[in-house]
Amino acid sequence: MADITIDTNKCDDCGDCTDVCPMEVLILKDGKLTVNEPEECSYCETCVDICPNECITIE
C-alpha cells in the first residue's frame, strides 16, 4: 500500500492532483484534499508532478 503524505501547510486544496489521479485516490472532500483508498494507488506520481506547491509525497 502506498504511503501518501500531504503537507497541509503547503497544500491550498486547488484540486489539480485530484483531476489527474487515474485511480481517484486523491479527492476533495468538504473542500479539503483527502487520501481515499491508498491501496488503489498505482505509484504513477502524476499528482506529485502536477502539484504547484510540491506538497505530495508517495513512498
PDB file of N, CA and C in Angstrom:
ATOM      1  N   MET A   1       0.846  -1.188   0.000  1.00  0.00           N
ATOM      2  CA  MET A   1       0.000   0.000   0.000  1.00  0.00           C
ATOM      3  C   MET A   1       0.881   1.238   0.000  1.00  0.00           C
ATOM      4  N   ALA A   2       0.500   2.203  -0.772  1.00  0.00           N
ATOM      5  CA  ALA A   2       1.241   3.457  -0.870  1.00  0.00           C
ATOM      6  C   ALA A   2       1.086   4.278   0.400  1.00  0.00           C
ATOM      7  N   ASP A   3       2.180   4.908   0.789  1.00  0.00           N
ATOM      8  CA  ASP A   3       2.143   5.857   1.900  1.00  0.00           C
ATOM      9  C   ASP A   3       2.131   7.245   1.266  1.00  0.00           C
ATOM     10  N   ILE A   4       0.959   7.833   1.185  1.00  0.00           N
ATOM     11  CA  ILE A   4       0.782   9.134   0.543  1.00  0.00           C
ATOM     12  C   ILE A   4       0.708  10.195   1.635  1.00  0.00           C
ATOM     13  N   THR A   5       1.628  11.154   1.553  1.00  0.00           N
ATOM     14  CA  THR A   5       1.690  12.207   2.554  1.00  0.00           C
ATOM     15  C   THR A   5       1.377  13.539   1.896  1.00  0.00           C
ATOM     16  N   ILE A   6       0.513  14.295   2.543  1.00  0.00           N
ATOM     17  CA  ILE A   6       0.154  15.630   2.072  1.00  0.00           C
ATOM     18  C   ILE A   6       0.600  16.627   3.134  1.00  0.00           C
ATOM     19  N   ASP A   7       1.466  17.546   2.742  1.00  0.00           N
ATOM     20  CA  ASP A   7       1.901  18.599   3.657  1.00  0.00           C
ATOM     21  C   ASP A   7       0.806  19.657   3.688  1.00  0.00           C
ATOM     22  N   THR A   8      -0.001  19.610   4.717  1.00  0.00           N
ATOM     23  CA  THR A   8      -1.164  20.500   4.802  1.00  0.00           C
ATOM     24  C   THR A   8      -0.764  21.964   4.976  1.00  0.00           C
ATOM     25  N   ASN A   9       0.478  22.209   5.385  1.00  0.00           N
ATOM     26  CA  ASN A   9       0.948  23.592   5.498  1.00  0.00           C
ATOM     27  C   ASN A   9       1.200  24.207   4.127  1.00  0.00           C
ATOM     28  N   LYS A  10       1.508  23.368   3.141  1.00  0.00           N
ATOM     29  CA  LYS A  10       1.773  23.847   1.778  1.00  0.00           C
ATOM     30  C   LYS A  10       0.543  23.738   0.870  1.00  0.00           C
ATOM     31  N   CYS A  11      -0.329  22.779   1.134  1.00  0.00           N
ATOM     32  CA  CYS A  11      -1.463  22.493   0.259  1.00  0.00           C
ATOM     33  C   CYS A  11      -2.524  23.590   0.357  1.00  0.00           C
ATOM     34  N   ASP A  12      -2.943  24.076  -0.830  1.00  0.00           N
ATOM     35  CA  ASP A  12      -4.017  25.077  -0.843  1.00  0.00           C
ATOM     36  C   ASP A  12      -5.330  24.492  -1.381  1.00  0.00           C
ATOM     37  N   ASP A  13      -5.389  23.152  -1.453  1.00  0.00           N
ATOM     38  CA  ASP A  13      -6.599  22.439  -1.870  1.00  0.00           C
ATOM     39  C   ASP A  13      -7.094  22.896  -3.244  1.00  0.00           C
ATOM     40  N   CYS A  14      -6.162  23.104  -4.169  1.00  0.00           N
ATOM     41  CA  CYS A  14      -6.516  23.585  -5.510  1.00  0.00           C
ATOM     42  C   CYS A  14      -7.227  22.514  -6.342  1.00  0.00           C
ATOM     43  N   GLY A  15      -6.933  21.235  -6.062  1.00  0.00           N
ATOM     44  CA  GLY A  15      -7.595  20.148  -6.772  1.00  0.00           C
ATOM     45  C   GLY A  15      -6.908  19.695  -8.038  1.00  0.00           C
ATOM     46  N   ASP A  16      -5.767  20.294  -8.375  1.00  0.00           N
ATOM     47  CA  ASP A  16      -5.053  19.876  -9.586  1.00  0.00           C
ATOM     48  C   ASP A  16      -4.717  18.387  -9.539  1.00  0.00           C
ATOM     49  N   CYS A  17      -4.281  17.908  -8.390  1.00  0.00           N
ATOM     50  CA  CYS A  17      -3.895  16.498  -8.255  1.00  0.00           C
ATOM     51  C   CYS A  17      -5.102  15.566  -8.377  1.00  0.00           C
ATOM     52  N   THR A  18      -6.240  16.010  -7.892  1.00  0.00           N
ATOM     53  CA  THR A  18      -7.435  15.165  -7.976  1.00  0.00           C
ATOM     54  C   THR A  18      -7.904  15.016  -9.421  1.00  0.00           C
ATOM     55  N   ASP A  19      -7.657  16.035 -10.223  1.00  0.00           N
ATOM     56  CA  ASP A  19      -8.057  15.999 -11.628  1.00  0.00           C
ATOM     57  C   ASP A  19      -7.246  14.999 -12.439  1.00  0.00           C
ATOM     58  N   VAL A  20      -5.989  14.764 -12.046  1.00  0.00           N
ATOM     59  CA  VAL A  20      -5.107  13.893 -12.834  1.00  0.00           C
ATOM     60  C   VAL A  20      -4.918  12.502 -12.254  1.00  0.00           C
ATOM     61  N   CYS A  21      -5.380  12.245 -11.056  1.00  0.00           N
ATOM     62  CA  CYS A  21      -5.183  10.939 -10.419  1.00  0.00           C
ATOM     63  C   CYS A  21      -6.024   9.877 -11.143  1.00  0.00           C
ATOM     64  N   PRO A  22      -5.370   8.941 -11.858  1.00  0.00           N
ATOM     65  CA  PRO A  22      -6.126   7.958 -12.636  1.00  0.00           C
ATOM     66  C   PRO A  22      -6.882   6.953 -11.772  1.00  0.00           C
ATOM     67  N   MET A  23      -6.452   6.788 -10.535  1.00  0.00           N
ATOM     68  CA  MET A  23      -7.078   5.808  -9.653  1.00  0.00           C
ATOM     69  C   MET A  23      -8.073   6.456  -8.687  1.00  0.00           C
ATOM     70  N   GLU A  24      -8.223   7.772  -8.765  1.00  0.00           N
ATOM     71  CA  GLU A  24      -9.118   8.534  -7.884  1.00  0.00           C
ATOM     72  C   GLU A  24      -8.804   8.308  -6.413  1.00  0.00           C
ATOM     73  N   VAL A  25      -7.504   8.258  -6.125  1.00  0.00           N
ATOM     74  CA  VAL A  25      -7.051   8.092  -4.743  1.00  0.00           C
ATOM     75  C   VAL A  25      -7.103   9.425  -4.005  1.00  0.00           C
ATOM     76  N   LEU A  26      -6.766  10.488  -4.697  1.00  0.00           N
ATOM     77  CA  LEU A  26      -6.827  11.820  -4.107  1.00  0.00           C
ATOM     78  C   LEU A  26      -8.152  12.463  -4.494  1.00  0.00           C
ATOM     79  N   ILE A  27      -8.885  12.906  -3.483  1.00  0.00           N
ATOM     80  CA  ILE A  27     -10.191  13.530  -3.713  1.00  0.00           C
ATOM     81  C   ILE A  27     -10.316  14.784  -2.854  1.00  0.00           C
ATOM     82  N   LEU A  28     -11.183  15.665  -3.277  1.00  0.00           N
ATOM     83  CA  LEU A  28     -11.537  16.805  -2.436  1.00  0.00           C
ATOM     84  C   LEU A  28     -12.808  16.445  -1.687  1.00  0.00           C
ATOM     85  N   LYS A  29     -12.717  16.467  -0.376  1.00  0.00           N
ATOM     86  CA  LYS A  29     -13.868  16.152   0.463  1.00  0.00           C
ATOM     87  C   LYS A  29     -14.098  17.347   1.384  1.00  0.00           C
ATOM     88  N   ASP A  30     -15.256  17.942   1.265  1.00  0.00           N
ATOM     89  CA  ASP A  30     -15.579  19.153   2.021  1.00  0.00           C
ATOM     90  C   ASP A  30     -14.539  20.240   1.801  1.00  0.00           C
ATOM     91  N   GLY A  31     -14.016  20.326   0.561  1.00  0.00           N
ATOM     92  CA  GLY A  31     -13.062  21.360   0.218  1.00  0.00           C
ATOM     93  C   GLY A  31     -11.631  21.102   0.640  1.00  0.00           C
ATOM     94  N   LYS A  32     -11.364  19.920   1.203  1.00  0.00           N
ATOM     95  CA  LYS A  32     -10.021  19.568   1.665  1.00  0.00           C
ATOM     96  C   LYS A  32      -9.508  18.364   0.907  1.00  0.00           C
ATOM     97  N   LEU A  33      -8.218  18.391   0.549  1.00  0.00           N
ATOM     98  CA  LEU A  33      -7.597  17.261  -0.118  1.00  0.00           C
ATOM     99  C   LEU A  33      -7.527  16.076   0.843  1.00  0.00           C
ATOM    100  N   THR A  34      -8.012  14.933   0.371  1.00  0.00           N
ATOM    101  CA  THR A  34      -8.107  13.734   1.189  1.00  0.00           C
ATOM    102  C   THR A  34      -7.597  12.529   0.416  1.00  0.00           C
ATOM    103  N   VAL A  35      -6.939  11.622   1.136  1.00  0.00           N
ATOM    104  CA  VAL A  35      -6.486  10.365   0.534  1.00  0.00           C
ATOM    105  C   VAL A  35      -7.611   9.351   0.695  1.00  0.00           C
ATOM    106  N   ASN A  36      -8.062   8.809  -0.430  1.00  0.00           N
ATOM    107  CA  ASN A  36      -9.160   7.851  -0.448  1.00  0.00           C
ATOM    108  C   ASN A  36      -8.636   6.514  -0.979  1.00  0.00           C
ATOM    109  N   GLU A  37      -8.711   5.469  -0.205  1.00  0.00           N
ATOM    110  CA  GLU A  37      -8.272   4.131  -0.602  1.00  0.00           C
ATOM    111  C   GLU A  37      -6.829   4.117  -1.129  1.00  0.00           C
ATOM    112  N   PRO A  38      -5.847   4.389  -0.278  1.00  0.00           N
ATOM    113  CA  PRO A  38      -4.446   4.443  -0.711  1.00  0.00           C
ATOM    114  C   PRO A  38      -3.940   3.137  -1.311  1.00  0.00           C
ATOM    115  N   GLU A  39      -4.587   2.021  -0.995  1.00  0.00           N
ATOM    116  CA  GLU A  39      -4.179   0.735  -1.565  1.00  0.00           C
ATOM    117  C   GLU A  39      -4.423   0.673  -3.073  1.00  0.00           C
ATOM    118  N   GLU A  40      -5.224   1.591  -3.596  1.00  0.00           N
ATOM    119  CA  GLU A  40      -5.502   1.639  -5.027  1.00  0.00           C
ATOM    120  C   GLU A  40      -4.457   2.453  -5.803  1.00  0.00           C
ATOM    121  N   CYS A  41      -3.557   3.127  -5.098  1.00  0.00           N
ATOM    122  CA  CYS A  41      -2.542   3.971  -5.742  1.00  0.00           C
ATOM    123  C   CYS A  41      -1.653   3.129  -6.648  1.00  0.00           C
ATOM    124  N   SER A  42      -1.417   3.622  -7.863  1.00  0.00           N
ATOM    125  CA  SER A  42      -0.585   2.911  -8.832  1.00  0.00           C
ATOM    126  C   SER A  42       0.863   3.415  -8.826  1.00  0.00           C
ATOM    127  N   TYR A  43       1.192   4.322  -7.921  1.00  0.00           N
ATOM    128  CA  TYR A  43       2.538   4.893  -7.802  1.00  0.00           C
ATOM    129  C   TYR A  43       2.978   5.620  -9.076  1.00  0.00           C
ATOM    130  N   CYS A  44       2.052   6.151  -9.850  1.00  0.00           N
ATOM    131  CA  CYS A  44       2.416   6.854 -11.088  1.00  0.00           C
ATOM    132  C   CYS A  44       3.062   8.210 -10.805  1.00  0.00           C
ATOM    133  N   GLU A  45       2.782   8.767  -9.646  1.00  0.00           N
ATOM    134  CA  GLU A  45       3.325  10.048  -9.185  1.00  0.00           C
ATOM    135  C   GLU A  45       2.919  11.237 -10.047  1.00  0.00           C
ATOM    136  N   THR A  46       1.851  11.095 -10.808  1.00  0.00           N
ATOM    137  CA  THR A  46       1.344  12.213 -11.593  1.00  0.00           C
ATOM    138  C   THR A  46       0.920  13.361 -10.679  1.00  0.00           C
ATOM    139  N   CYS A  47       0.345  13.024  -9.553  1.00  0.00           N
ATOM    140  CA  CYS A  47      -0.084  14.047  -8.593  1.00  0.00           C
ATOM    141  C   CYS A  47       1.113  14.825  -8.057  1.00  0.00           C
ATOM    142  N   VAL A  48       2.211  14.121  -7.818  1.00  0.00           N
ATOM    143  CA  VAL A  48       3.432  14.757  -7.323  1.00  0.00           C
ATOM    144  C   VAL A  48       3.959  15.737  -8.365  1.00  0.00           C
ATOM    145  N   ASP A  49       3.967  15.303  -9.617  1.00  0.00           N
ATOM    146  CA  ASP A  49       4.492  16.128 -10.704  1.00  0.00           C
ATOM    147  C   ASP A  49       3.664  17.387 -10.956  1.00  0.00           C
ATOM    148  N   ILE A  50       2.341  17.290 -10.798  1.00  0.00           N
ATOM    149  CA  ILE A  50       1.478  18.424 -11.148  1.00  0.00           C
ATOM    150  C   ILE A  50       1.270  19.403  -9.985  1.00  0.00           C
ATOM    151  N   CYS A  51       1.545  18.989  -8.793  1.00  0.00           N
ATOM    152  CA  CYS A  51       1.281  19.839  -7.622  1.00  0.00           C
ATOM    153  C   CYS A  51       2.131  21.120  -7.666  1.00  0.00           C
ATOM    154  N   PRO A  52       1.490  22.290  -7.736  1.00  0.00           N
ATOM    155  CA  PRO A  52       2.239  23.546  -7.821  1.00  0.00           C
ATOM    156  C   PRO A  52       2.962  23.901  -6.518  1.00  0.00           C
ATOM    157  N   ASN A  53       2.545  23.285  -5.419  1.00  0.00           N
ATOM    158  CA  ASN A  53       3.131  23.609  -4.104  1.00  0.00           C
ATOM    159  C   ASN A  53       4.068  22.531  -3.583  1.00  0.00           C
ATOM    160  N   GLU A  54       4.264  21.474  -4.386  1.00  0.00           N
ATOM    161  CA  GLU A  54       5.150  20.361  -4.015  1.00  0.00           C
ATOM    162  C   GLU A  54       4.829  19.832  -2.607  1.00  0.00           C
ATOM    163  N   CYS A  55       3.555  19.546  -2.380  1.00  0.00           N
ATOM    164  CA  CYS A  55       3.154  19.118  -1.040  1.00  0.00           C
ATOM    165  C   CYS A  55       2.804  17.646  -0.934  1.00  0.00           C
ATOM    166  N   ILE A  56       2.916  16.879  -2.048  1.00  0.00           N
ATOM    167  CA  ILE A  56       2.547  15.476  -2.028  1.00  0.00           C
ATOM    168  C   ILE A  56       3.789  14.611  -2.192  1.00  0.00           C
ATOM    169  N   THR A  57       3.906  13.600  -1.321  1.00  0.00           N
ATOM    170  CA  THR A  57       4.968  12.606  -1.466  1.00  0.00           C
ATOM    171  C   THR A  57       4.334  11.227  -1.407  1.00  0.00           C
ATOM    172  N   ILE A  58       4.932  10.304  -2.175  1.00  0.00           N
ATOM    173  CA  ILE A  58       4.448   8.922  -2.198  1.00  0.00           C
ATOM    174  C   ILE A  58       5.627   8.002  -1.945  1.00  0.00           C
ATOM    175  N   GLU A  59       5.469   7.104  -0.988  1.00  0.00           N
ATOM    176  CA  GLU A  59       6.510   6.119  -0.680  1.00  0.00           C
ATOM    177  C   GLU A  59       5.930   4.737  -0.738  1.00  0.00           C
TER     178      GLU A  59
END
